[in-house]
Amino acid sequence: MRSLLEQRTPLYSQADLHITEREGDTPEDVAKRVLEGIPGVLKIQVSH
């Protein structure tokens, strides 16, 4: 897991969505914040 995280961290740092883990967070807490943040970074394409 540690090796995988080390490989992915440079890619994660380029993301428009940043979630900070807080002390006591459960995986569910983090997942909820990720899901709540996604609409703010998605770009809606409007066709004319």
PDB file of N, CA and C in Angstrom:
ATOM      1  N   MET A   1       0.822  -1.193   0.000  1.00  0.00           N
ATOM      2  CA  MET A   1       0.000   0.000   0.000  1.00  0.00           C
ATOM      3  C   MET A   1       0.865   1.256   0.000  1.00  0.00           C
ATOM      4  N   ARG A   2       1.892   1.240   0.805  1.00  0.00           N
ATOM      5  CA  ARG A   2       2.756   2.419   0.895  1.00  0.00           C
ATOM      6  C   ARG A   2       3.402   2.712  -0.462  1.00  0.00           C
ATOM      7  N   SER A   3       3.876   1.682  -1.131  1.00  0.00           N
ATOM      8  CA  SER A   3       4.493   1.858  -2.446  1.00  0.00           C
ATOM      9  C   SER A   3       3.494   2.416  -3.453  1.00  0.00           C
ATOM     10  N   LEU A   4       2.280   1.902  -3.424  1.00  0.00           N
ATOM     11  CA  LEU A   4       1.236   2.375  -4.327  1.00  0.00           C
ATOM     12  C   LEU A   4       0.933   3.852  -4.069  1.00  0.00           C
ATOM     13  N   LEU A   5       0.819   4.220  -2.805  1.00  0.00           N
ATOM     14  CA  LEU A   5       0.570   5.620  -2.462  1.00  0.00           C
ATOM     15  C   LEU A   5       1.714   6.514  -2.942  1.00  0.00           C
ATOM     16  N   GLU A   6       2.946   6.065  -2.755  1.00  0.00           N
ATOM     17  CA  GLU A   6       4.096   6.852  -3.200  1.00  0.00           C
ATOM     18  C   GLU A   6       4.070   7.059  -4.712  1.00  0.00           C
ATOM     19  N   GLN A   7       3.643   6.038  -5.451  1.00  0.00           N
ATOM     20  CA  GLN A   7       3.564   6.146  -6.901  1.00  0.00           C
ATOM     21  C   GLN A   7       2.452   7.099  -7.332  1.00  0.00           C
ATOM     22  N   ARG A   8       1.364   7.098  -6.614  1.00  0.00           N
ATOM     23  CA  ARG A   8       0.186   7.883  -7.016  1.00  0.00           C
ATOM     24  C   ARG A   8       0.178   9.312  -6.500  1.00  0.00           C
ATOM     25  N   THR A   9       0.905   9.608  -5.443  1.00  0.00           N
ATOM     26  CA  THR A   9       0.873  10.930  -4.821  1.00  0.00           C
ATOM     27  C   THR A   9       1.136  12.065  -5.807  1.00  0.00           C
ATOM     28  N   PRO A  10       2.117  11.955  -6.715  1.00  0.00           N
ATOM     29  CA  PRO A  10       2.312  13.053  -7.675  1.00  0.00           C
ATOM     30  C   PRO A  10       1.076  13.290  -8.544  1.00  0.00           C
ATOM     31  N   LEU A  11       0.370  12.236  -8.892  1.00  0.00           N
ATOM     32  CA  LEU A  11      -0.847  12.396  -9.692  1.00  0.00           C
ATOM     33  C   LEU A  11      -1.967  13.002  -8.857  1.00  0.00           C
ATOM     34  N   TYR A  12      -2.098  12.531  -7.630  1.00  0.00           N
ATOM     35  CA  TYR A  12      -3.140  13.062  -6.754  1.00  0.00           C
ATOM     36  C   TYR A  12      -2.942  14.557  -6.520  1.00  0.00           C
ATOM     37  N   SER A  13      -1.698  14.996  -6.429  1.00  0.00           N
ATOM     38  CA  SER A  13      -1.443  16.411  -6.138  1.00  0.00           C
ATOM     39  C   SER A  13      -1.848  17.320  -7.292  1.00  0.00           C
ATOM     40  N   GLN A  14      -2.069  16.757  -8.477  1.00  0.00           N
ATOM     41  CA  GLN A  14      -2.502  17.542  -9.620  1.00  0.00           C
ATOM     42  C   GLN A  14      -4.018  17.700  -9.688  1.00  0.00           C
ATOM     43  N   ALA A  15      -4.731  16.989  -8.850  1.00  0.00           N
ATOM     44  CA  ALA A  15      -6.194  17.005  -8.885  1.00  0.00           C
ATOM     45  C   ALA A  15      -6.740  18.364  -8.452  1.00  0.00           C
ATOM     46  N   ASP A  16      -7.891  18.717  -9.011  1.00  0.00           N
ATOM     47  CA  ASP A  16      -8.566  19.956  -8.619  1.00  0.00           C
ATOM     48  C   ASP A  16      -9.290  19.817  -7.289  1.00  0.00           C
ATOM     49  N   LEU A  17      -9.486  18.604  -6.835  1.00  0.00           N
ATOM     50  CA  LEU A  17     -10.208  18.332  -5.590  1.00  0.00           C
ATOM     51  C   LEU A  17      -9.210  17.894  -4.528  1.00  0.00           C
ATOM     52  N   HIS A  18      -9.163  18.626  -3.439  1.00  0.00           N
ATOM     53  CA  HIS A  18      -8.248  18.294  -2.350  1.00  0.00           C
ATOM     54  C   HIS A  18      -9.068  18.046  -1.085  1.00  0.00           C
ATOM     55  N   ILE A  19      -8.882  16.887  -0.506  1.00  0.00           N
ATOM     56  CA  ILE A  19      -9.574  16.511   0.719  1.00  0.00           C
ATOM     57  C   ILE A  19      -8.520  16.309   1.800  1.00  0.00           C
ATOM     58  N   THR A  20      -8.685  16.981   2.910  1.00  0.00           N
ATOM     59  CA  THR A  20      -7.764  16.836   4.024  1.00  0.00           C
ATOM     60  C   THR A  20      -8.363  15.889   5.043  1.00  0.00           C
ATOM     61  N   GLU A  21      -7.584  14.890   5.392  1.00  0.00           N
ATOM     62  CA  GLU A  21      -8.038  13.937   6.406  1.00  0.00           C
ATOM     63  C   GLU A  21      -7.938  14.602   7.777  1.00  0.00           C
ATOM     64  N   ARG A  22      -8.991  14.452   8.535  1.00  0.00           N
ATOM     65  CA  ARG A  22      -9.019  15.021   9.884  1.00  0.00           C
ATOM     66  C   ARG A  22      -8.854  13.899  10.899  1.00  0.00           C
ATOM     67  N   GLU A  23      -8.301  14.242  12.032  1.00  0.00           N
ATOM     68  CA  GLU A  23      -8.124  13.245  13.087  1.00  0.00           C
ATOM     69  C   GLU A  23      -9.488  12.645  13.445  1.00  0.00           C
ATOM     70  N   GLY A  24      -9.546  11.346  13.489  1.00  0.00           N
ATOM     71  CA  GLY A  24     -10.784  10.671  13.845  1.00  0.00           C
ATOM     72  C   GLY A  24     -11.682  10.346  12.660  1.00  0.00           C
ATOM     73  N   ASP A  25     -11.293  10.796  11.454  1.00  0.00           N
ATOM     74  CA  ASP A  25     -12.082  10.494  10.260  1.00  0.00           C
ATOM     75  C   ASP A  25     -12.158   8.996  10.017  1.00  0.00           C
ATOM     76  N   THR A  26     -13.321   8.550   9.648  1.00  0.00           N
ATOM     77  CA  THR A  26     -13.486   7.178   9.184  1.00  0.00           C
ATOM     78  C   THR A  26     -13.353   7.195   7.657  1.00  0.00           C
ATOM     79  N   PRO A  27     -13.125   6.053   7.046  1.00  0.00           N
ATOM     80  CA  PRO A  27     -13.122   6.025   5.580  1.00  0.00           C
ATOM     81  C   PRO A  27     -14.426   6.572   5.000  1.00  0.00           C
ATOM     82  N   GLU A  28     -15.519   6.339   5.678  1.00  0.00           N
ATOM     83  CA  GLU A  28     -16.816   6.833   5.227  1.00  0.00           C
ATOM     84  C   GLU A  28     -16.872   8.357   5.267  1.00  0.00           C
ATOM     85  N   ASP A  29     -16.266   8.965   6.294  1.00  0.00           N
ATOM     86  CA  ASP A  29     -16.217  10.431   6.390  1.00  0.00           C
ATOM     87  C   ASP A  29     -15.471  11.026   5.200  1.00  0.00           C
ATOM     88  N   VAL A  30     -14.325  10.436   4.889  1.00  0.00           N
ATOM     89  CA  VAL A  30     -13.511  10.932   3.781  1.00  0.00           C
ATOM     90  C   VAL A  30     -14.252  10.740   2.462  1.00  0.00           C
ATOM     91  N   ALA A  31     -14.837   9.557   2.280  1.00  0.00           N
ATOM     92  CA  ALA A  31     -15.573   9.281   1.045  1.00  0.00           C
ATOM     93  C   ALA A  31     -16.730  10.265   0.870  1.00  0.00           C
ATOM     94  N   LYS A  32     -17.412  10.592   1.955  1.00  0.00           N
ATOM     95  CA  LYS A  32     -18.530  11.531   1.882  1.00  0.00           C
ATOM     96  C   LYS A  32     -18.049  12.907   1.424  1.00  0.00           C
ATOM     97  N   ARG A  33     -16.910  13.376   1.970  1.00  0.00           N
ATOM     98  CA  ARG A  33     -16.378  14.680   1.566  1.00  0.00           C
ATOM     99  C   ARG A  33     -15.922  14.671   0.111  1.00  0.00           C
ATOM    100  N   VAL A  34     -15.372  13.548  -0.339  1.00  0.00           N
ATOM    101  CA  VAL A  34     -14.983  13.432  -1.749  1.00  0.00           C
ATOM    102  C   VAL A  34     -16.216  13.557  -2.629  1.00  0.00           C
ATOM    103  N   LEU A  35     -17.259  12.807  -2.307  1.00  0.00           N
ATOM    104  CA  LEU A  35     -18.484  12.841  -3.109  1.00  0.00           C
ATOM    105  C   LEU A  35     -19.131  14.215  -3.084  1.00  0.00           C
ATOM    106  N   GLU A  36     -19.075  14.886  -1.949  1.00  0.00           N
ATOM    107  CA  GLU A  36     -19.639  16.236  -1.858  1.00  0.00           C
ATOM    108  C   GLU A  36     -18.825  17.241  -2.674  1.00  0.00           C
ATOM    109  N   GLY A  37     -17.528  17.010  -2.812  1.00  0.00           N
ATOM    110  CA  GLY A  37     -16.675  17.942  -3.527  1.00  0.00           C
ATOM    111  C   GLY A  37     -16.663  17.765  -5.031  1.00  0.00           C
ATOM    112  N   ILE A  38     -17.030  16.602  -5.516  1.00  0.00           N
ATOM    113  CA  ILE A  38     -16.962  16.320  -6.951  1.00  0.00           C
ATOM    114  C   ILE A  38     -17.774  17.299  -7.792  1.00  0.00           C
ATOM    115  N   PRO A  39     -19.017  17.617  -7.443  1.00  0.00           N
ATOM    116  CA  PRO A  39     -19.766  18.553  -8.296  1.00  0.00           C
ATOM    117  C   PRO A  39     -19.068  19.899  -8.477  1.00  0.00           C
ATOM    118  N   GLY A  40     -18.306  20.321  -7.508  1.00  0.00           N
ATOM    119  CA  GLY A  40     -17.623  21.602  -7.601  1.00  0.00           C
ATOM    120  C   GLY A  40     -16.454  21.614  -8.576  1.00  0.00           C
ATOM    121  N   VAL A  41     -15.944  20.437  -8.936  1.00  0.00           N
ATOM    122  CA  VAL A  41     -14.802  20.391  -9.849  1.00  0.00           C
ATOM    123  C   VAL A  41     -15.169  19.880 -11.230  1.00  0.00           C
ATOM    124  N   LEU A  42     -16.369  19.347 -11.378  1.00  0.00           N
ATOM    125  CA  LEU A  42     -16.788  18.878 -12.691  1.00  0.00           C
ATOM    126  C   LEU A  42     -17.180  20.070 -13.551  1.00  0.00           C
ATOM    127  N   LYS A  43     -16.812  20.009 -14.775  1.00  0.00           N
ATOM    128  CA  LYS A  43     -17.166  21.079 -15.701  1.00  0.00           C
ATOM    129  C   LYS A  43     -18.293  20.583 -16.588  1.00  0.00           C
ATOM    130  N   ILE A  44     -19.401  21.269 -16.539  1.00  0.00           N
ATOM    131  CA  ILE A  44     -20.562  20.889 -17.324  1.00  0.00           C
ATOM    132  C   ILE A  44     -20.366  21.385 -18.753  1.00  0.00           C
ATOM    133  N   GLN A  45     -20.513  20.464 -19.690  1.00  0.00           N
ATOM    134  CA  GLN A  45     -20.395  20.840 -21.092  1.00  0.00           C
ATOM    135  C   GLN A  45     -21.782  21.135 -21.627  1.00  0.00           C
ATOM    136  N   VAL A  46     -21.920  22.324 -22.207  1.00  0.00           N
ATOM    137  CA  VAL A  46     -23.182  22.731 -22.781  1.00  0.00           C
ATOM    138  C   VAL A  46     -22.991  22.786 -24.283  1.00  0.00           C
ATOM    139  N   SER A  47     -23.844  22.044 -25.007  1.00  0.00           N
ATOM    140  CA  SER A  47     -23.737  22.097 -26.462  1.00  0.00           C
ATOM    141  C   SER A  47     -24.705  23.130 -27.005  1.00  0.00           C
ATOM    142  N   HIS A  48     -24.286  23.861 -28.019  1.00  0.00           N
ATOM    143  CA  HIS A  48     -25.123  24.915 -28.610  1.00  0.00           C
ATOM    144  C   HIS A  48     -25.740  24.441 -29.879  1.00  0.00           C
TER     145      HIS A  48
END
